[in-house]
Protein backbone atom coordinates (compact mmCIF):
# COMPACT_ATOMS: atom_id res chain seq x y z
CA MET A 1 0.00 0.00 0.00
CA GLU A 2 1.48 3.40 -1.00
CA GLU A 3 2.43 5.73 1.82
CA LYS A 4 1.04 9.27 1.83
CA SER A 5 2.66 12.35 3.40
CA LYS A 6 0.93 15.49 4.63
CA ASN A 7 2.12 18.88 5.88
CA VAL A 8 -0.23 19.82 8.67
CA SER A 9 -0.06 23.24 10.27
CA ALA A 10 -0.03 23.01 14.06
CA GLU A 11 -1.57 26.45 14.26
CA ASN A 12 -4.58 25.51 12.10
CA ASN A 13 -5.10 22.13 13.70
CA GLY A 14 -4.23 22.82 17.33
CA GLU A 15 -7.78 22.70 18.57
CA LYS A 16 -8.46 19.49 16.67
CA ASN A 17 -5.32 17.85 18.10
CA VAL A 18 -6.26 18.83 21.63
CA LEU A 19 -9.80 17.52 21.20
CA ASN A 20 -8.53 14.23 19.70
CA TYR A 21 -6.05 13.92 22.51
CA TYR A 22 -8.66 14.21 25.24
CA ILE A 23 -11.07 11.88 23.45
CA LYS A 24 -8.33 9.25 23.12
CA LEU A 25 -7.21 9.84 26.68
CA VAL A 26 -10.70 9.13 27.97
CA ILE A 27 -11.00 6.03 25.74
CA THR A 28 -7.60 4.73 26.81
CA PHE A 29 -8.30 5.17 30.51
CA ALA A 30 -11.64 3.43 30.00
CA VAL A 31 -9.89 0.50 28.31
CA LEU A 32 -7.31 0.29 31.10
CA ALA A 33 -10.04 0.36 33.75
CA LEU A 34 -12.02 -2.32 31.89
CA THR A 35 -8.89 -4.45 31.54
CA PHE A 36 -8.24 -4.32 35.27
CA TRP A 37 -11.87 -5.07 36.14
CA LEU A 38 -12.13 -7.99 33.71
CA GLY A 39 -8.85 -9.46 34.93
CA PHE A 40 -9.95 -9.15 38.55
CA GLU A 41 -13.39 -10.64 37.91
CA ARG A 42 -11.96 -13.53 35.90
CA GLY A 43 -9.38 -14.23 38.56
CA GLN A 44 -12.10 -14.24 41.24
CA ASN A 45 -14.61 -16.39 39.36
CA ASN A 46 -12.53 -18.82 37.29
CA SER A 47 -10.71 -21.86 38.59
CA PRO A 48 -6.98 -21.98 37.71
CA LYS A 49 -5.86 -24.02 34.73
CA GLU A 50 -2.12 -24.32 34.18
CA ILE A 51 -0.62 -25.16 30.83
CA PHE A 52 3.00 -25.30 29.89
CA GLY A 53 4.99 -23.60 27.18
CA GLY A 54 2.18 -21.45 26.11
CA SER A 55 0.00 -22.14 28.96
CA ASP A 56 -2.84 -20.67 30.86
CA VAL A 57 -3.06 -20.03 34.57
CA ILE A 58 -5.58 -17.42 35.58
CA LYS A 59 -4.42 -15.81 38.81
CA THR A 60 -4.85 -12.51 40.59
CA GLU A 61 -2.39 -10.71 42.79
CA SER A 62 -2.87 -7.71 45.05
CA ILE A 63 -1.01 -4.67 43.79
CA GLU A 64 -1.07 -2.98 47.18
CA GLY A 65 2.39 -2.05 48.32
CA LYS A 66 3.88 -2.40 44.82
CA ASP A 67 5.98 0.35 43.30
CA SER A 68 3.93 3.04 41.61
CA MET A 69 4.77 6.04 39.50
CA ASP A 70 3.20 9.13 37.99
CA MET A 71 2.02 8.26 34.47
CA THR A 72 2.08 11.89 33.38
CA LEU A 73 5.43 11.37 31.64
CA TYR A 74 4.00 8.57 29.51
CA TRP A 75 0.99 10.61 28.43
CA ASN A 76 3.15 13.66 27.72
CA VAL A 77 5.32 11.64 25.36
CA PHE A 78 2.25 10.04 23.80
CA ASN A 79 0.74 13.46 23.16
CA LYS A 80 3.97 14.99 21.81
CA LEU A 81 4.47 12.06 19.46
CA LYS A 82 0.97 12.40 18.02
CA GLU A 83 1.38 16.16 17.76
CA LYS A 84 4.96 16.52 16.50
CA TYR A 85 5.96 13.35 14.66
CA VAL A 86 6.47 13.90 10.93
CA ASP A 87 4.27 10.93 9.98
CA ALA A 88 1.81 11.23 12.86
CA ASP A 89 -1.11 10.44 10.57
CA LYS A 90 0.26 6.90 10.18
CA LEU A 91 0.34 6.24 13.92
CA THR A 92 -2.70 4.40 15.24
CA THR A 93 -3.62 4.43 18.91
CA ASP A 94 -3.82 0.62 18.90
CA GLU A 95 -0.28 0.17 17.60
CA LEU A 96 1.13 2.79 19.98
CA LEU A 97 -0.55 1.03 22.89
CA TYR A 98 0.48 -2.47 21.73
CA ASN A 99 4.10 -1.46 21.21
CA SER A 100 4.19 0.38 24.54
CA ILE A 101 3.19 -2.88 26.21
CA ARG A 102 5.76 -4.85 24.18
CA GLY A 103 8.49 -2.44 25.25
CA MET A 104 7.47 -2.76 28.88
CA LEU A 105 7.60 -6.57 28.73
CA ALA A 106 10.90 -6.52 26.80
CA ALA A 107 12.46 -4.74 29.79
CA THR A 108 12.28 -8.08 31.66
CA GLY A 109 14.86 -9.57 29.28
CA ASP A 110 12.72 -12.73 29.20
CA PRO A 111 11.87 -13.91 25.65
CA TYR A 112 8.80 -15.79 26.93
CA THR A 113 7.12 -12.80 28.59
CA VAL A 114 5.25 -11.32 25.64
CA PHE A 115 2.15 -9.44 24.53
CA MET A 116 0.03 -10.83 21.69
CA ASP A 117 -2.13 -8.60 19.53
CA PRO A 118 -5.34 -10.04 18.01
CA LYS A 119 -3.51 -11.62 15.04
CA GLU A 120 -0.76 -13.15 17.18
CA ASN A 121 -3.29 -14.32 19.76
CA LYS A 122 -5.31 -16.11 17.07
CA GLU A 123 -2.17 -17.77 15.68
CA PHE A 124 -1.15 -18.89 19.16
CA GLY A 125 -4.52 -20.60 19.63
CA GLU A 126 -4.12 -22.34 16.27
CA ASP A 127 -0.67 -23.61 17.29
CA ILE A 128 -2.04 -25.22 20.44
CA ASP A 129 -4.98 -26.72 18.52
CA GLY A 130 -2.53 -28.27 16.06
CA THR A 131 -3.84 -26.79 12.79
CA PHE A 132 -2.34 -23.72 11.11
CA GLU A 133 -0.66 -22.42 7.95
CA GLY A 134 3.10 -22.00 8.05
CA ILE A 135 6.34 -23.97 7.96
CA GLY A 136 5.72 -26.22 10.98
CA ALA A 137 8.64 -25.38 13.26
CA GLU A 138 8.83 -24.34 16.90
CA LEU A 139 11.09 -21.32 17.43
CA GLY A 140 12.80 -20.04 20.56
CA MET A 141 15.63 -17.83 21.76
CA LYS A 142 18.97 -19.39 22.68
CA ASP A 143 21.70 -17.03 23.89
CA GLY A 144 19.75 -14.16 22.32
CA ILE A 145 19.67 -15.79 18.87
CA LEU A 146 16.51 -16.97 17.09
CA THR A 147 16.75 -20.75 17.11
CA VAL A 148 14.77 -23.69 15.73
CA VAL A 149 13.62 -25.64 18.78
CA SER A 150 12.25 -28.37 16.56
CA PRO A 151 10.72 -28.87 13.12
CA LEU A 152 7.50 -30.87 13.35
CA LYS A 153 7.48 -34.34 11.87
CA ASP A 154 6.73 -34.35 8.09
CA SER A 155 6.30 -30.56 8.14
CA PRO A 156 7.46 -28.23 5.33
CA ALA A 157 10.30 -27.16 7.64
CA GLU A 158 11.53 -30.72 8.11
CA LYS A 159 11.17 -31.53 4.40
CA ALA A 160 13.17 -28.42 3.48
CA GLY A 161 16.00 -29.51 5.77
CA LEU A 162 15.59 -27.38 8.91
CA ARG A 163 16.94 -29.05 12.05
CA ALA A 164 16.64 -28.59 15.79
CA GLY A 165 19.36 -26.17 16.87
CA ASP A 166 19.60 -24.23 13.59
CA LYS A 167 20.18 -20.51 14.22
CA ILE A 168 18.00 -18.32 11.98
CA LEU A 169 20.07 -15.28 11.01
CA LYS A 170 17.76 -13.79 8.37
CA VAL A 171 14.15 -14.11 7.20
CA ASP A 172 13.78 -13.11 3.54
CA ASP A 173 17.13 -11.24 3.80
CA GLU A 174 15.99 -9.28 6.89
CA SER A 175 18.22 -9.72 9.94
CA THR A 176 16.71 -11.38 13.00
CA GLU A 177 19.01 -9.51 15.37
CA ASN A 178 17.01 -8.15 18.34
CA ILE A 179 13.78 -9.68 16.98
CA SER A 180 11.28 -11.26 19.37
CA VAL A 181 10.09 -14.82 18.90
CA ASP A 182 6.53 -13.67 18.20
CA ALA A 183 7.66 -11.12 15.61
CA ALA A 184 9.77 -13.79 13.92
CA VAL A 185 6.84 -16.21 13.84
CA SER A 186 4.69 -13.53 12.20
CA LYS A 187 7.32 -13.00 9.50
CA ILE A 188 7.87 -16.71 8.83
CA ARG A 189 4.24 -17.79 8.94
CA GLY A 190 2.17 -17.30 5.80
CA LYS A 191 -0.35 -18.70 3.36
CA ASP A 192 -0.25 -22.25 2.08
CA GLY A 193 1.92 -22.50 -1.07
CA THR A 194 3.97 -19.33 -0.50
CA GLU A 195 7.73 -19.39 0.12
CA VAL A 196 9.99 -17.98 2.80
CA LYS A 197 13.80 -17.83 2.65
CA LEU A 198 15.69 -18.52 5.85
CA THR A 199 19.41 -17.92 6.29
CA ILE A 200 20.60 -20.29 8.98
CA TYR A 201 23.78 -21.13 10.88
CA ARG A 202 24.39 -24.80 11.67
CA ALA A 203 27.37 -25.60 13.86
CA SER A 204 27.58 -29.26 12.76
CA SER A 205 27.67 -28.44 9.05
CA GLU A 206 30.85 -27.76 7.05
CA GLU A 207 28.96 -24.99 5.29
CA LYS A 208 28.15 -22.96 8.41
CA ASN A 209 25.77 -20.42 6.83
CA LYS A 210 23.22 -21.61 4.31
CA GLU A 211 19.95 -20.51 2.77
CA ILE A 212 16.89 -22.72 2.99
CA ILE A 213 13.71 -22.05 1.00
CA VAL A 214 10.61 -23.39 2.72
CA THR A 215 7.25 -23.66 0.96
CA ARG A 216 4.58 -23.02 3.55
CA GLY A 217 1.73 -25.47 3.97
CA ILE A 218 -1.32 -26.35 6.06
CA ILE A 219 0.04 -27.92 9.21
CA LYS A 220 -2.08 -30.56 10.90
CA VAL A 221 -0.28 -32.41 13.63
CA ASP A 222 -1.35 -35.75 15.13
CA SER A 223 -0.16 -35.45 18.69
CA VAL A 224 0.65 -39.16 19.17
CA THR A 225 1.37 -42.07 16.85
CA PHE A 226 1.86 -45.73 17.79
CA GLU A 227 3.11 -48.95 16.26
CA ILE A 228 4.44 -52.33 17.33
CA LYS A 229 8.05 -52.81 16.28
CA ASP A 230 10.19 -55.96 16.04
CA ASN A 231 10.45 -58.12 19.17
CA ASN A 232 7.06 -56.89 20.35
CA ILE A 233 8.37 -53.42 21.25
CA ALA A 234 5.70 -50.72 21.56
CA TYR A 235 6.77 -47.44 19.96
CA PHE A 236 4.98 -44.18 20.87
CA ASN A 237 5.94 -40.94 19.14
CA ILE A 238 4.59 -37.90 21.03
CA VAL A 239 4.99 -34.76 18.90
CA ARG A 240 3.17 -32.19 21.06
CA PHE A 241 1.27 -31.87 24.34
CA GLY A 242 -2.16 -30.68 23.15
CA ASP A 243 -5.72 -31.00 24.38
CA ASP A 244 -6.17 -34.50 22.97
CA THR A 245 -2.71 -35.98 23.64
CA ALA A 246 -3.37 -37.82 26.91
CA ILE A 247 -6.72 -39.14 25.62
CA VAL A 248 -5.19 -40.43 22.38
CA PHE A 249 -2.19 -41.91 24.21
CA SER A 250 -4.50 -43.75 26.62
CA LYS A 251 -6.51 -45.21 23.73
CA LEU A 252 -3.36 -46.30 21.88
CA MET A 253 -2.03 -47.99 25.02
CA LYS A 254 -5.01 -50.33 24.87
CA GLN A 255 -3.83 -51.51 21.44
CA MET A 256 -0.63 -52.94 22.93
CA PRO A 257 -0.53 -56.73 23.13
CA LYS A 258 -0.97 -57.82 26.74
CA ASP A 259 2.45 -59.46 26.84
CA THR A 260 4.28 -56.26 25.80
CA LYS A 261 7.11 -55.58 28.26
CA LYS A 262 9.26 -53.11 26.31
CA VAL A 263 8.31 -49.55 25.32
CA ILE A 264 9.98 -46.71 23.43
CA ILE A 265 8.60 -43.20 23.99
CA ASP A 266 9.98 -40.78 21.42
CA LEU A 267 10.00 -37.15 22.61
CA ARG A 268 12.55 -35.92 20.09
CA SER A 269 11.78 -32.53 18.55
CA ASN A 270 8.68 -32.21 20.74
CA PRO A 271 8.43 -28.50 21.70
CA GLY A 272 5.99 -29.08 24.56
CA GLY A 273 2.51 -27.76 25.24
CA TYR A 274 0.19 -28.06 28.24
CA LEU A 275 1.53 -28.82 31.71
CA ASP A 276 -1.62 -30.65 32.78
CA VAL A 277 -1.22 -32.99 29.78
CA ALA A 278 2.34 -33.81 30.86
CA ILE A 279 0.97 -34.63 34.32
CA ASP A 280 -1.82 -36.76 32.78
CA LEU A 281 0.71 -38.72 30.71
CA ALA A 282 3.05 -39.18 33.68
CA SER A 283 0.07 -40.40 35.72
CA LEU A 284 -0.48 -43.23 33.24
CA MET A 285 3.08 -44.43 33.90
CA LEU A 286 3.65 -43.63 37.60
CA PRO A 287 2.09 -44.78 40.88
CA ASN A 288 -0.35 -42.42 42.55
CA GLY A 289 1.11 -39.53 44.54
CA LYS A 290 4.55 -39.38 42.92
CA THR A 291 6.03 -35.93 42.27
CA VAL A 292 5.90 -35.13 38.54
CA VAL A 293 7.40 -31.64 38.66
CA ILE A 294 8.16 -28.89 41.16
CA GLU A 295 7.20 -25.26 40.56
CA GLU A 296 9.70 -22.76 41.97
CA GLY A 297 8.28 -19.26 42.40
CA SER A 298 10.12 -15.95 42.23
CA ASP A 299 10.42 -15.89 46.03
CA GLY A 300 11.96 -19.38 46.14
CA THR A 301 8.82 -21.13 47.39
CA LYS A 302 8.17 -24.55 45.89
CA LYS A 303 4.96 -26.35 44.96
CA ASN A 304 4.82 -30.02 44.00
CA PHE A 305 2.55 -31.42 41.29
CA TYR A 306 1.68 -35.08 41.85
CA SER A 307 0.69 -38.00 39.63
CA ARG A 308 -2.88 -39.19 39.76
CA GLY A 309 -1.51 -42.69 39.45
CA GLU A 310 -2.59 -45.46 37.13
CA ASP A 311 0.93 -46.83 36.55
CA GLN A 312 -0.04 -48.94 33.57
CA PHE A 313 3.67 -49.33 32.69
CA ALA A 314 4.61 -50.80 36.10
CA ASP A 315 5.95 -54.05 34.60
CA LYS A 316 7.56 -52.50 31.49
CA LYS A 317 11.07 -51.42 30.58
CA ILE A 318 11.06 -47.96 28.95
CA VAL A 319 13.52 -46.12 26.74
CA LEU A 320 12.84 -42.38 26.39
CA LEU A 321 14.31 -40.66 23.32
CA ILE A 322 15.17 -36.95 23.68
CA ASN A 323 17.19 -34.44 21.67
CA GLU A 324 17.96 -30.73 21.38
CA GLY A 325 14.38 -30.09 20.25
CA SER A 326 12.71 -31.72 23.27
CA ALA A 327 11.44 -28.77 25.32
CA SER A 328 9.17 -27.70 28.18
CA ALA A 329 6.47 -30.35 28.77
CA SER A 330 8.70 -32.97 27.07
CA GLU A 331 11.41 -32.23 29.61
CA ILE A 332 8.92 -32.43 32.48
CA LEU A 333 7.76 -35.90 31.39
CA ALA A 334 11.33 -37.09 30.82
CA GLY A 335 12.45 -35.82 34.23
CA ALA A 336 9.39 -37.28 35.97
CA LEU A 337 9.87 -40.78 34.56
CA LYS A 338 13.62 -40.78 35.07
CA ASP A 339 13.52 -39.59 38.70
CA ASN A 340 10.65 -41.89 39.71
CA LYS A 341 11.44 -45.04 37.70
CA ASP A 342 15.23 -44.94 37.68
CA GLU A 343 15.75 -48.67 37.23
CA SER A 344 13.19 -49.21 34.48
CA VAL A 345 13.68 -46.01 32.41
CA THR A 346 16.69 -45.09 30.26
CA LEU A 347 17.10 -41.74 28.51
CA VAL A 348 18.82 -41.92 25.10
CA GLY A 349 19.83 -39.21 22.63
CA LYS A 350 21.10 -35.66 23.20
CA LYS A 351 20.62 -33.11 25.98
CA SER A 352 17.19 -31.45 25.78
CA TYR A 353 16.50 -27.78 25.02
CA GLY A 354 16.24 -26.41 28.56
CA LYS A 355 12.93 -24.52 28.50
CA GLY A 356 11.95 -24.81 32.13
CA SER A 357 9.87 -21.71 32.77
CA VAL A 358 6.11 -21.44 33.09
CA GLN A 359 3.94 -18.68 31.71
CA GLU A 360 0.54 -17.41 32.74
CA LEU A 361 -1.61 -16.66 29.72
CA LEU A 362 -4.00 -13.81 30.55
CA ASN A 363 -6.74 -13.04 28.05
CA LEU A 364 -7.31 -9.29 27.68
CA PRO A 365 -9.93 -7.12 25.97
CA GLY A 366 -9.82 -6.61 22.22
CA GLU A 367 -8.88 -10.27 21.57
CA THR A 368 -5.37 -9.65 22.91
CA SER A 369 -3.42 -11.56 25.56
CA VAL A 370 -0.20 -11.50 27.54
CA LYS A 371 2.10 -14.32 28.60
CA ILE A 372 4.11 -13.67 31.75
CA THR A 373 6.80 -15.96 33.14
CA VAL A 374 5.87 -16.61 36.76
CA ALA A 375 7.92 -19.62 37.81
CA ARG A 376 10.53 -22.21 36.86
CA TRP A 377 10.26 -25.97 36.80
CA LEU A 378 12.43 -28.45 38.70
CA THR A 379 12.57 -32.22 38.25
CA PRO A 380 11.21 -34.35 41.12
CA LYS A 381 14.77 -34.55 42.52
CA GLY A 382 15.02 -30.75 42.51
CA GLU A 383 17.18 -30.27 39.41
CA GLN A 384 16.66 -27.09 37.39
CA ILE A 385 15.33 -27.63 33.84
CA ASN A 386 15.58 -24.01 32.67
CA LYS A 387 18.69 -23.36 30.55
CA LYS A 388 20.17 -26.69 31.75
CA GLY A 389 17.98 -29.24 30.01
CA ILE A 390 17.77 -32.98 30.72
CA GLU A 391 20.91 -35.04 30.16
CA PRO A 392 20.48 -38.49 28.56
CA GLU A 393 22.16 -41.42 30.27
CA VAL A 394 23.19 -42.80 26.90
CA GLU A 395 24.31 -40.01 24.56
CA VAL A 396 23.99 -40.80 20.87
CA GLU A 397 24.81 -38.32 18.12
CA LEU A 398 22.69 -38.04 14.98
CA THR A 399 25.20 -36.75 12.44
CA GLU A 400 24.76 -34.86 9.18
CA GLU A 401 25.62 -38.05 7.31
CA ASP A 402 23.07 -40.07 9.31
CA TYR A 403 20.38 -37.49 8.57
CA ASN A 404 21.14 -37.35 4.86
CA ASN A 405 21.12 -41.14 4.57
CA ASP A 406 17.92 -41.65 6.58
CA ARG A 407 19.72 -43.43 9.42
CA ASP A 408 18.59 -43.18 13.05
CA PRO A 409 21.33 -44.38 15.44
CA GLN A 410 19.39 -43.02 18.43
CA LEU A 411 16.41 -45.25 17.71
CA ASP A 412 18.78 -48.13 16.91
CA LYS A 413 20.36 -47.72 20.37
CA ALA A 414 16.89 -47.83 21.96
CA PHE A 415 16.18 -51.18 20.29
CA GLU A 416 19.60 -52.46 21.35
CA LEU A 417 18.96 -51.57 25.00
CA LEU A 418 15.59 -53.32 24.95
CA LYS A 419 16.81 -56.63 23.51
């Protein structure tokens, strides 16, 4: 769309600017008041629901005694910008407000504490539901660099050659330096059939920097798949922790032959999802009352989350596959099984991603929302997950040559251990 420029005389339009300012001021204060009221009411009336890695816990907290400041400075700058800026006619109140909030959240230095405008909020909901248009890759920040957490199985990203751990340096020749994860997702996501060019850095490759063209598609992800492998080994591949994952997993478990004693659970390149689903899955494999994960708050207080215990794998030997793309809820499940079933569970692969923080998702007016990091997760034995990840007991590399020749030494090692 072509940009237009206007020369507007402050003298001729002063009264109009002042009137607009006060109208917008009243509207903005009304929105802020409504936001607070809705948040308070929802916190009072709704029961908490926690979800991980994009999860939802509705809570309220008293703001009495918190630091406060005079907001006059903010409104002065807002007014001066609308009055003086050379392209003031292109500034919308919505975008100024949205970006003000983004700047405030960016001051935390936490890439997971973010504001989502209506478009981003809709896309986030589609991600959790498992159907969307895009390349099919989970993105995160690692050491301040935009990084592929994991490409989804059979997604356009995987087919184009993207791997867990790839650093995305450019999107369509635009640098990703200082970009937020949500802004990057908006740039990379697009209509089915369109292309996006990603310039990536891959430490394991001889050609460190390379360009990858990905043709976007409609992404529909089955959260769990199951098959019986050789020697009557049950193989479950869990690719995300969505609304239906625990239900589907439970149904697939019933398809196992009754004499099955060996199980592989593949969590590789699983970026996570809902915390309560991770607890539900752990409950199918642990006795009742076992600690699944520990929540550590900002003040150091700890809260345990316990299994609801069916332990349908009590007599089974389990190999859990993890890699650099196993994150959040995947790491919770891996840590829970390892710490509680040490003798019957073996972790194989590469160290996991290390996304061990939990976000509250608060729905706001205007179809917007905010995610705020409120705690960190510890394994049942008290080990930090955040930035540390889960270490496999048996480390197995999947090399460039293996990948290119469709070999899977990590899965081969799992079969070997279960013989």
